Amino acid sequence: MLRFLIRRAAGAALILLVISAVTYVLFFAMPSDPALLACGKQCTPQLLATIRHTMGIDAPLWVQYGHFLEGIFVGRHYGAADCSAPCLGYSFVNEQPVLQTLLNRFPATLSLALGAGALVLSCGVGLGMIAALRRGRALDKASMGLALVGASVQIYFFGIVVRYIFVDQLAWLPLPGYTSPGSSLTGWAGGMLLPWITLAVVNVATYARFTRSSMLEALDEEYVRAARAKGLTPWGVYVKHAWRGAMTPVITMFGIDLGLFLGGAVITETTFNIPGIGKLAVDSVADSDLPMLMGTVLVASTAMVVANVAVDACYALIDPRVRAS
């Protein structure tokens, strides 16, 4: 198991290196003047000259990228500003290191990702299992129809509608927003409840339909029929044997979606004004903050790669054959 995880971690590190190189080229080689983009809307000639010097864009591209990698491990100096390791760049718009801003925004994104992910997984898998167990019956059709309705709505529309109904009109839910759980656990849960529900509703349908099809396929396998022939109870056959075989593809999908959530649920955070990484990416585009935007891309890419490694580890726990492959 340890050797398996080491191989996956080494592969992930190589992928992240390639992603960082491609991202750096896209953000600092493609624009005609990266310093002008990084300078922001309040740019002055003096600030622009300082940024060009501190960014080192007069050096060859491979030297610039080498300095970027060096900053990750040992830190960098941007004129009078110090960016300690790991340094992902310096935002001249916010006048602080990129990583510091990302770390300040990450708790809000993490809260959204974990809460919505738990709802998506529990409700989606639960609906799918019930639909498979009641295949062809009214409950199956009702659950799949409800899931299809949820998949048909968009976050920015559904979020505004439920906020208007349950917050502005009925006052059943508190105003959505992020509060640190350390200061108020109830305030944190209350403010994140509506964003959790909104993000979950539009994703539950995929999990419900996928779980249903996987369960129906698993129930037709020979080992499940053999378990029935041995006299096991229907619930034991359904949960202990069929469910375990059907969850492998669901875990794959959940790992990818969780990586996307951790990278920043842009539409959800923007709709409910949650100060997370997704909202930061939108603000960085509006402010032409190139280093900050690159930092959000790298964080999203890292979240996806780490999520895939976690999925591989779950595979190895569920199916020992994966460790030998």
Protein backbone atom coordinates (compact mmCIF):
# COMPACT_ATOMS: atom_id res chain seq x y z
CA MET A 1 0.00 0.00 0.00
CA LEU A 2 2.79 2.42 0.88
CA ARG A 3 4.61 1.73 -2.37
CA PHE A 4 1.37 2.30 -4.27
CA LEU A 5 0.84 5.68 -2.60
CA ILE A 6 4.46 6.72 -3.22
CA ARG A 7 4.08 6.00 -6.94
CA ARG A 8 0.87 8.00 -7.10
CA ALA A 9 2.39 10.90 -5.14
CA ALA A 10 5.44 11.01 -7.44
CA GLY A 11 3.18 11.07 -10.48
CA ALA A 12 1.10 13.84 -8.94
CA ALA A 13 4.22 15.93 -8.25
CA LEU A 14 5.28 15.59 -11.89
CA ILE A 15 1.82 16.59 -13.09
CA LEU A 16 1.83 19.65 -10.86
CA LEU A 17 5.23 20.67 -12.22
CA VAL A 18 3.94 20.45 -15.79
CA ILE A 19 0.79 22.39 -14.85
CA SER A 20 2.82 25.13 -13.20
CA ALA A 21 5.05 25.46 -16.28
CA VAL A 22 2.11 25.63 -18.69
CA THR A 23 0.26 28.08 -16.43
CA TYR A 24 3.32 30.30 -16.13
CA VAL A 25 3.75 30.41 -19.91
CA LEU A 26 0.07 31.25 -20.42
CA PHE A 27 0.08 34.07 -17.89
CA PHE A 28 3.54 35.57 -18.38
CA ALA A 29 4.58 34.76 -21.95
CA MET A 30 1.33 35.13 -23.87
CA PRO A 31 0.31 38.67 -22.74
CA SER A 32 2.07 41.51 -24.54
CA ASP A 33 2.97 43.18 -21.25
CA PRO A 34 2.49 41.01 -18.13
CA ALA A 35 3.70 43.83 -15.90
CA LEU A 36 0.93 46.10 -17.15
CA LEU A 37 -1.69 43.45 -16.39
CA ALA A 38 -0.23 42.79 -12.94
CA CYS A 39 -0.10 46.49 -12.18
CA GLY A 40 -3.88 46.74 -11.92
CA LYS A 41 -6.28 49.59 -12.62
CA GLN A 42 -4.54 52.03 -10.25
CA CYS A 43 -1.24 51.71 -12.12
CA THR A 44 1.27 54.54 -12.30
CA PRO A 45 4.43 54.77 -14.45
CA GLN A 46 6.60 54.45 -11.35
CA LEU A 47 4.74 51.37 -10.15
CA LEU A 48 4.85 49.83 -13.63
CA ALA A 49 8.62 50.28 -13.81
CA THR A 50 9.01 48.71 -10.36
CA ILE A 51 6.87 45.73 -11.32
CA ARG A 52 8.83 45.12 -14.53
CA HIS A 53 12.05 45.08 -12.53
CA THR A 54 10.83 42.91 -9.68
CA MET A 55 9.06 40.44 -11.97
CA GLY A 56 12.25 39.98 -13.99
CA ILE A 57 10.43 39.92 -17.31
CA ASP A 58 13.52 41.24 -19.10
CA ALA A 59 15.19 37.85 -18.48
CA PRO A 60 14.62 34.76 -20.70
CA LEU A 61 11.43 32.86 -20.02
CA TRP A 62 13.15 29.79 -18.57
CA VAL A 63 15.03 32.04 -16.13
CA GLN A 64 11.77 33.66 -15.05
CA TYR A 65 10.20 30.26 -14.45
CA GLY A 66 13.29 29.16 -12.53
CA HIS A 67 12.93 32.15 -10.24
CA PHE A 68 9.26 31.26 -9.75
CA LEU A 69 10.15 27.70 -8.70
CA GLU A 70 12.92 29.01 -6.49
CA GLY A 71 10.43 31.24 -4.73
CA ILE A 72 8.24 28.26 -3.91
CA PHE A 73 11.07 26.57 -2.00
CA VAL A 74 13.16 29.46 -0.60
CA GLY A 75 11.04 32.59 -1.07
CA ARG A 76 11.62 35.76 -3.08
CA HIS A 77 11.99 39.50 -2.69
CA TYR A 78 9.83 41.87 -4.73
CA GLY A 79 11.64 45.13 -4.22
CA ALA A 80 11.05 46.11 -0.62
CA ALA A 81 8.35 43.45 -0.23
CA ASP A 82 9.30 40.04 1.12
CA CYS A 83 7.53 36.87 -0.01
CA SER A 84 8.51 33.97 2.21
CA ALA A 85 8.45 30.35 1.07
CA PRO A 86 6.32 28.94 -0.37
CA CYS A 87 5.93 32.02 -2.55
CA LEU A 88 3.40 31.86 -5.39
CA GLY A 89 3.95 35.45 -6.41
CA TYR A 90 3.15 38.91 -5.14
CA SER A 91 -0.04 40.86 -5.81
CA PHE A 92 0.70 44.50 -6.50
CA VAL A 93 -3.02 45.22 -6.39
CA ASN A 94 -3.50 43.90 -2.84
CA GLU A 95 0.11 44.64 -1.89
CA GLN A 96 0.62 41.25 -0.24
CA PRO A 97 1.88 37.78 -1.21
CA VAL A 98 -0.51 35.69 -3.26
CA LEU A 99 -0.36 32.72 -0.88
CA GLN A 100 -1.37 34.85 2.08
CA THR A 101 -4.55 35.95 0.32
CA LEU A 102 -5.29 32.40 -0.82
CA LEU A 103 -4.91 31.07 2.73
CA ASN A 104 -7.25 33.78 4.01
CA ARG A 105 -9.89 32.78 1.45
CA PHE A 106 -9.44 29.01 1.66
CA PRO A 107 -11.50 28.40 4.87
CA ALA A 108 -14.63 29.73 3.16
CA THR A 109 -14.08 27.52 0.11
CA LEU A 110 -13.30 24.52 2.32
CA SER A 111 -16.51 25.06 4.29
CA LEU A 112 -18.54 25.23 1.08
CA ALA A 113 -16.84 22.19 -0.45
CA LEU A 114 -17.15 19.87 2.56
CA GLY A 115 -20.73 20.80 3.40
CA ALA A 116 -21.99 20.61 -0.17
CA GLY A 117 -19.96 17.45 -0.82
CA ALA A 118 -21.51 15.70 2.18
CA LEU A 119 -25.02 16.63 1.01
CA VAL A 120 -24.32 15.61 -2.58
CA LEU A 121 -22.87 12.24 -1.60
CA SER A 122 -25.49 11.31 1.00
CA CYS A 123 -28.56 12.51 -0.91
CA GLY A 124 -27.37 11.46 -4.36
CA VAL A 125 -26.23 7.98 -3.35
CA GLY A 126 -29.29 7.52 -1.12
CA LEU A 127 -31.72 8.43 -3.90
CA GLY A 128 -29.87 6.20 -6.36
CA MET A 129 -29.92 3.20 -4.03
CA ILE A 130 -33.63 3.64 -3.27
CA ALA A 131 -34.42 3.97 -6.97
CA ALA A 132 -32.46 0.80 -7.78
CA LEU A 133 -34.14 -1.11 -4.96
CA ARG A 134 -37.58 0.01 -6.18
CA ARG A 135 -36.79 -0.32 -9.87
CA GLY A 136 -39.74 0.45 -12.12
CA ARG A 137 -42.00 1.47 -9.24
CA ALA A 138 -43.47 4.85 -8.38
CA LEU A 139 -40.69 5.69 -5.91
CA ASP A 140 -38.06 5.01 -8.57
CA LYS A 141 -39.77 7.29 -11.09
CA ALA A 142 -40.42 10.01 -8.51
CA SER A 143 -36.83 10.11 -7.21
CA MET A 144 -35.33 10.15 -10.71
CA GLY A 145 -37.79 12.82 -11.83
CA LEU A 146 -36.95 14.98 -8.83
CA ALA A 147 -33.24 14.53 -9.50
CA LEU A 148 -33.71 15.49 -13.15
CA VAL A 149 -35.49 18.70 -12.13
CA GLY A 150 -32.57 19.60 -9.87
CA ALA A 151 -30.06 18.99 -12.66
CA SER A 152 -32.03 21.25 -15.01
CA VAL A 153 -31.69 24.43 -12.93
CA GLN A 154 -28.66 26.71 -12.83
CA ILE A 155 -26.93 27.81 -9.64
CA TYR A 156 -27.22 31.54 -10.28
CA PHE A 157 -30.99 31.18 -10.93
CA PHE A 158 -31.84 28.65 -8.23
CA GLY A 159 -29.72 30.44 -5.63
CA ILE A 160 -31.45 33.77 -6.18
CA VAL A 161 -34.92 32.19 -6.13
CA VAL A 162 -34.44 30.21 -2.89
CA ARG A 163 -32.82 33.19 -1.23
CA TYR A 164 -35.77 35.40 -2.16
CA ILE A 165 -38.28 32.82 -0.88
CA PHE A 166 -36.65 31.42 2.25
CA VAL A 167 -34.59 34.42 3.38
CA ASP A 168 -36.24 37.61 2.13
CA GLN A 169 -39.91 36.56 2.21
CA LEU A 170 -40.37 33.72 4.72
CA ALA A 171 -37.30 34.48 6.87
CA TRP A 172 -36.85 30.74 7.54
CA LEU A 173 -33.12 30.84 6.85
CA PRO A 174 -30.46 33.37 7.90
CA LEU A 175 -28.74 35.62 5.40
CA PRO A 176 -26.17 33.55 3.49
CA GLY A 177 -22.52 34.38 4.07
CA TYR A 178 -19.37 33.11 5.69
CA THR A 179 -18.56 33.38 9.37
CA SER A 180 -15.57 31.67 10.92
CA PRO A 181 -16.70 28.54 12.83
CA GLY A 182 -14.25 29.48 15.56
CA SER A 183 -16.19 32.64 16.36
CA SER A 184 -19.72 31.23 15.98
CA LEU A 185 -20.47 27.65 14.98
CA THR A 186 -24.20 28.29 14.60
CA GLY A 187 -23.56 31.46 12.61
CA TRP A 188 -21.19 29.55 10.34
CA ALA A 189 -23.65 26.71 9.72
CA GLY A 190 -26.60 29.07 9.26
CA GLY A 191 -24.78 31.30 6.80
CA MET A 192 -23.50 28.37 4.74
CA LEU A 193 -26.73 26.34 4.75
CA LEU A 194 -28.29 27.94 1.68
CA PRO A 195 -25.07 27.78 -0.42
CA TRP A 196 -24.68 24.12 0.60
CA ILE A 197 -28.22 23.29 -0.48
CA THR A 198 -27.92 25.24 -3.74
CA LEU A 199 -24.67 23.60 -4.79
CA ALA A 200 -25.93 20.18 -3.75
CA VAL A 201 -29.27 20.36 -5.56
CA VAL A 202 -27.70 20.89 -8.98
CA ASN A 203 -25.29 17.98 -8.46
CA VAL A 204 -27.46 15.39 -6.70
CA ALA A 205 -29.12 14.29 -9.94
CA THR A 206 -25.88 13.08 -11.47
CA TYR A 207 -25.03 10.98 -8.43
CA ALA A 208 -28.54 9.60 -8.12
CA ARG A 209 -28.72 8.43 -11.73
CA PHE A 210 -25.15 7.16 -11.72
CA THR A 211 -25.64 5.24 -8.46
CA ARG A 212 -28.87 3.74 -9.75
CA SER A 213 -27.29 2.46 -12.96
CA SER A 214 -24.24 1.12 -11.09
CA MET A 215 -26.40 -0.65 -8.52
CA LEU A 216 -28.59 -2.24 -11.19
CA GLU A 217 -25.49 -3.45 -13.01
CA ALA A 218 -24.00 -4.82 -9.79
CA LEU A 219 -27.22 -6.61 -8.86
CA ASP A 220 -27.00 -8.58 -12.10
CA GLU A 221 -23.45 -9.78 -11.43
CA GLU A 222 -22.79 -13.47 -10.81
CA TYR A 223 -21.34 -12.98 -7.33
CA VAL A 224 -24.53 -11.20 -6.24
CA ARG A 225 -26.68 -14.02 -7.58
CA ALA A 226 -24.42 -16.49 -5.76
CA ALA A 227 -24.91 -14.54 -2.53
CA ARG A 228 -28.67 -14.80 -2.98
CA ALA A 229 -28.37 -18.54 -3.64
CA LYS A 230 -26.50 -18.98 -0.35
CA GLY A 231 -29.52 -17.68 1.50
CA LEU A 232 -28.29 -14.23 2.52
CA THR A 233 -30.93 -11.68 3.40
CA PRO A 234 -31.92 -9.21 0.64
CA TRP A 235 -30.53 -6.30 2.68
CA GLY A 236 -27.22 -8.12 3.19
CA VAL A 237 -26.95 -8.86 -0.51
CA TYR A 238 -27.84 -5.31 -1.42
CA VAL A 239 -25.53 -3.50 0.99
CA LYS A 240 -22.64 -5.86 1.67
CA HIS A 241 -22.11 -7.16 -1.86
CA ALA A 242 -23.82 -5.05 -4.55
CA TRP A 243 -23.23 -1.66 -2.91
CA ARG A 244 -19.49 -2.15 -2.53
CA GLY A 245 -19.06 -3.04 -6.19
CA ALA A 246 -21.24 -0.16 -7.36
CA MET A 247 -19.44 2.54 -5.36
CA THR A 248 -16.15 2.44 -7.27
CA PRO A 249 -17.29 4.66 -10.19
CA VAL A 250 -19.19 6.90 -7.77
CA ILE A 251 -16.01 7.50 -5.78
CA THR A 252 -14.25 8.54 -9.00
CA MET A 253 -16.91 11.11 -9.78
CA PHE A 254 -17.01 12.41 -6.22
CA GLY A 255 -13.22 12.83 -6.12
CA ILE A 256 -13.31 14.95 -9.26
CA ASP A 257 -16.22 17.06 -8.02
CA LEU A 258 -14.65 17.57 -4.60
CA GLY A 259 -11.47 18.76 -6.30
CA LEU A 260 -13.55 21.24 -8.29
CA PHE A 261 -15.28 22.46 -5.13
CA LEU A 262 -11.96 22.91 -3.31
CA GLY A 263 -10.56 24.76 -6.30
CA GLY A 264 -13.32 27.31 -5.87
CA ALA A 265 -17.02 27.00 -6.67
CA VAL A 266 -16.97 30.21 -8.70
CA ILE A 267 -20.68 30.60 -9.46
CA THR A 268 -21.89 29.65 -5.97
CA GLU A 269 -19.41 31.90 -4.17
CA THR A 270 -20.22 34.80 -6.50
CA THR A 271 -23.99 34.31 -6.18
CA PHE A 272 -23.92 34.34 -2.37
CA ASN A 273 -20.92 36.69 -2.03
CA ILE A 274 -18.84 34.13 -0.15
CA PRO A 275 -15.22 35.30 0.19
CA GLY A 276 -13.64 32.11 -1.14
CA ILE A 277 -11.12 31.24 -3.81
CA GLY A 278 -13.73 31.19 -6.56
CA LYS A 279 -14.88 34.71 -5.70
CA LEU A 280 -11.22 35.74 -5.52
CA ALA A 281 -10.65 34.48 -9.07
CA VAL A 282 -13.55 36.58 -10.35
CA ASP A 283 -12.29 39.66 -8.50
CA SER A 284 -8.78 39.08 -9.86
CA VAL A 285 -10.09 39.12 -13.42
CA ALA A 286 -11.96 42.36 -12.75
CA ASP A 287 -8.85 43.91 -11.17
CA SER A 288 -6.44 42.51 -13.81
CA ASP A 289 -4.47 41.01 -10.94
CA LEU A 290 -2.40 38.52 -12.95
CA PRO A 291 -0.31 36.98 -10.11
CA MET A 292 -3.41 36.41 -7.97
CA LEU A 293 -5.29 34.88 -10.88
CA MET A 294 -2.40 32.53 -11.56
CA GLY A 295 -2.39 31.56 -7.89
CA THR A 296 -6.07 30.61 -7.99
CA VAL A 297 -5.45 28.47 -11.09
CA LEU A 298 -2.57 26.65 -9.38
CA VAL A 299 -4.67 26.04 -6.26
CA ALA A 300 -7.54 24.64 -8.34
CA SER A 301 -5.13 22.40 -10.26
CA THR A 302 -3.52 21.17 -7.04
CA ALA A 303 -6.93 20.39 -5.55
CA MET A 304 -7.83 18.31 -8.61
CA VAL A 305 -4.55 16.37 -8.57
CA VAL A 306 -4.74 15.70 -4.81
CA ALA A 307 -8.36 14.59 -5.15
CA ASN A 308 -7.38 12.09 -7.85
CA VAL A 309 -4.60 10.68 -5.64
CA ALA A 310 -7.14 10.31 -2.82
CA VAL A 311 -9.47 8.48 -5.21
CA ASP A 312 -6.66 6.09 -6.15
CA ALA A 313 -6.04 5.42 -2.46
CA CYS A 314 -9.74 4.67 -1.94
CA TYR A 315 -9.62 2.29 -4.88
CA ALA A 316 -6.72 0.45 -3.27
CA LEU A 317 -8.69 0.08 -0.04
CA ILE A 318 -11.85 -1.13 -1.77
CA ASP A 319 -10.21 -3.41 -4.36
CA PRO A 320 -6.81 -4.97 -3.50
CA ARG A 321 -6.26 -5.75 -7.19
CA VAL A 322 -5.62 -2.06 -7.81
CA ARG A 323 -2.50 -2.14 -5.58
CA ALA A 324 -1.01 -4.90 -7.71
CA SER A 325 -1.63 -3.14 -11.01
